[in-house]
Amino acid sequence: MKVFVLEIGRPIRQAVEQFFGRVDDYISIQRAITPSEIPKIAIEVYKKLMELGKDGEEVCLILSGPLALAFQIGQLLGIGKIKVIPYQFMYGRYEKIPPLTRAHLFNI
């Protein structure tokens, strides 16, 4: 399992390292970003995630940033290209979010 952190506006990498024991790669932008930066950052994240998951290894994605950026990253990844497992900080810890599959689309 690889761990990738995207931190926009506030640092979270240290907390992620404490929880997971390491961070394999990250992007850190410690300021507010502009709307025109969102697609560029999404592409950079996509490339890093594809590299981390290229051998079929699961990639844990921990993101602190704008919803629009998270949405665009999801659009780039699609379902099933690489194994990305999102984590959400809740209840004082990082919680694994159950993955969606194509089967979910047809069972709803």
Protein backbone atom coordinates (compact mmCIF):
# COMPACT_ATOMS: atom_id res chain seq x y z
CA MET A 1 0.00 0.00 0.00
CA LYS A 2 1.27 3.46 -0.94
CA VAL A 3 0.23 6.66 0.86
CA PHE A 4 -0.28 9.91 -1.05
CA VAL A 5 -1.12 13.26 0.57
CA LEU A 6 -2.47 16.38 -1.08
CA GLU A 7 -2.49 19.35 1.26
CA ILE A 8 -3.88 22.68 0.09
CA GLY A 9 -3.99 25.62 2.47
CA ARG A 10 -3.03 23.77 5.64
CA PRO A 11 -0.50 21.10 6.52
CA ILE A 12 -1.72 17.56 7.17
CA ARG A 13 1.29 15.48 6.12
CA GLN A 14 2.70 15.16 9.63
CA ALA A 15 -0.62 13.90 11.00
CA VAL A 16 -0.88 11.42 8.11
CA GLU A 17 2.69 10.20 8.76
CA GLN A 18 1.83 9.66 12.42
CA PHE A 19 -1.27 7.64 11.48
CA PHE A 20 0.15 5.57 8.59
CA GLY A 21 3.81 5.54 9.64
CA ARG A 22 4.95 7.10 6.37
CA VAL A 23 3.97 9.12 3.31
CA ASP A 24 5.22 7.84 -0.06
CA ASP A 25 4.55 11.04 -2.02
CA TYR A 26 2.76 14.33 -1.54
CA ILE A 27 1.88 17.71 -2.97
CA SER A 28 1.85 20.65 -0.59
CA ILE A 29 0.55 24.12 -1.43
CA GLN A 30 0.32 26.20 1.74
CA ARG A 31 -1.95 28.96 0.46
CA ALA A 32 -5.35 29.44 -1.10
CA ILE A 33 -5.39 28.37 -4.75
CA THR A 34 -7.15 30.04 -7.67
CA PRO A 35 -9.83 28.38 -9.82
CA SER A 36 -7.43 28.28 -12.78
CA GLU A 37 -4.94 26.25 -10.72
CA ILE A 38 -7.43 23.47 -9.95
CA PRO A 39 -7.16 21.60 -13.30
CA LYS A 40 -3.35 21.86 -13.25
CA ILE A 41 -3.12 20.47 -9.72
CA ALA A 42 -5.64 17.71 -10.54
CA ILE A 43 -3.46 16.59 -13.46
CA GLU A 44 -0.33 16.64 -11.29
CA VAL A 45 -2.10 14.52 -8.64
CA TYR A 46 -3.38 12.12 -11.32
CA LYS A 47 0.14 11.57 -12.65
CA LYS A 48 1.53 10.91 -9.17
CA LEU A 49 -1.29 8.50 -8.30
CA MET A 50 -0.85 6.62 -11.57
CA GLU A 51 2.88 6.29 -10.88
CA LEU A 52 2.31 5.06 -7.32
CA GLY A 53 -0.33 2.54 -8.43
CA LYS A 54 1.26 1.39 -11.67
CA ASP A 55 2.11 -2.10 -10.36
CA GLY A 56 -1.40 -2.75 -9.08
CA GLU A 57 -0.62 -1.60 -5.58
CA GLU A 58 -3.36 0.17 -3.61
CA VAL A 59 -2.84 3.89 -3.12
CA CYS A 60 -4.30 5.60 -0.06
CA LEU A 61 -5.34 9.14 -0.93
CA ILE A 62 -5.58 11.71 1.84
CA LEU A 63 -6.67 15.14 0.64
CA SER A 64 -7.13 18.47 2.32
CA GLY A 65 -8.36 20.98 -0.20
CA PRO A 66 -11.24 22.27 -2.30
CA LEU A 67 -14.15 20.02 -3.21
CA ALA A 68 -13.86 21.01 -6.89
CA LEU A 69 -10.28 19.73 -6.91
CA ALA A 70 -11.32 16.41 -5.35
CA PHE A 71 -14.08 16.10 -7.95
CA GLN A 72 -11.72 16.73 -10.85
CA ILE A 73 -9.23 14.18 -9.51
CA GLY A 74 -12.07 11.66 -9.37
CA GLN A 75 -13.03 12.44 -12.96
CA LEU A 76 -9.47 11.85 -14.12
CA LEU A 77 -9.15 8.56 -12.26
CA GLY A 78 -12.49 7.06 -13.25
CA ILE A 79 -13.51 3.74 -11.73
CA GLY A 80 -11.03 0.91 -11.85
CA LYS A 81 -7.90 2.36 -13.48
CA ILE A 82 -5.87 2.08 -10.30
CA LYS A 83 -6.78 1.06 -6.78
CA VAL A 84 -7.25 4.37 -4.95
CA ILE A 85 -8.60 4.11 -1.43
CA PRO A 86 -9.81 7.45 -0.05
CA TYR A 87 -9.47 8.20 3.64
CA GLN A 88 -11.47 10.81 5.53
CA PHE A 89 -10.46 12.41 8.81
CA MET A 90 -13.38 11.80 11.17
CA TYR A 91 -13.81 10.95 14.84
CA GLY A 92 -10.22 12.03 15.50
CA ARG A 93 -8.63 9.56 13.08
CA TYR A 94 -8.33 8.70 9.39
CA GLU A 95 -11.16 6.39 8.34
CA LYS A 96 -11.01 4.20 5.23
CA ILE A 97 -13.95 4.91 2.92
CA PRO A 98 -15.45 1.83 1.25
CA PRO A 99 -14.57 1.75 -2.46
CA LEU A 100 -17.16 2.13 -5.21
CA THR A 101 -17.26 -0.33 -8.09
CA ARG A 102 -19.16 -0.48 -11.35
CA ALA A 103 -21.52 -2.95 -9.64
CA HIS A 104 -22.64 -0.15 -7.31
CA LEU A 105 -23.88 1.79 -10.34
CA PHE A 106 -26.29 -0.96 -11.28
CA ASN A 107 -27.43 -1.96 -7.78
CA ILE A 108 -28.64 1.49 -6.74
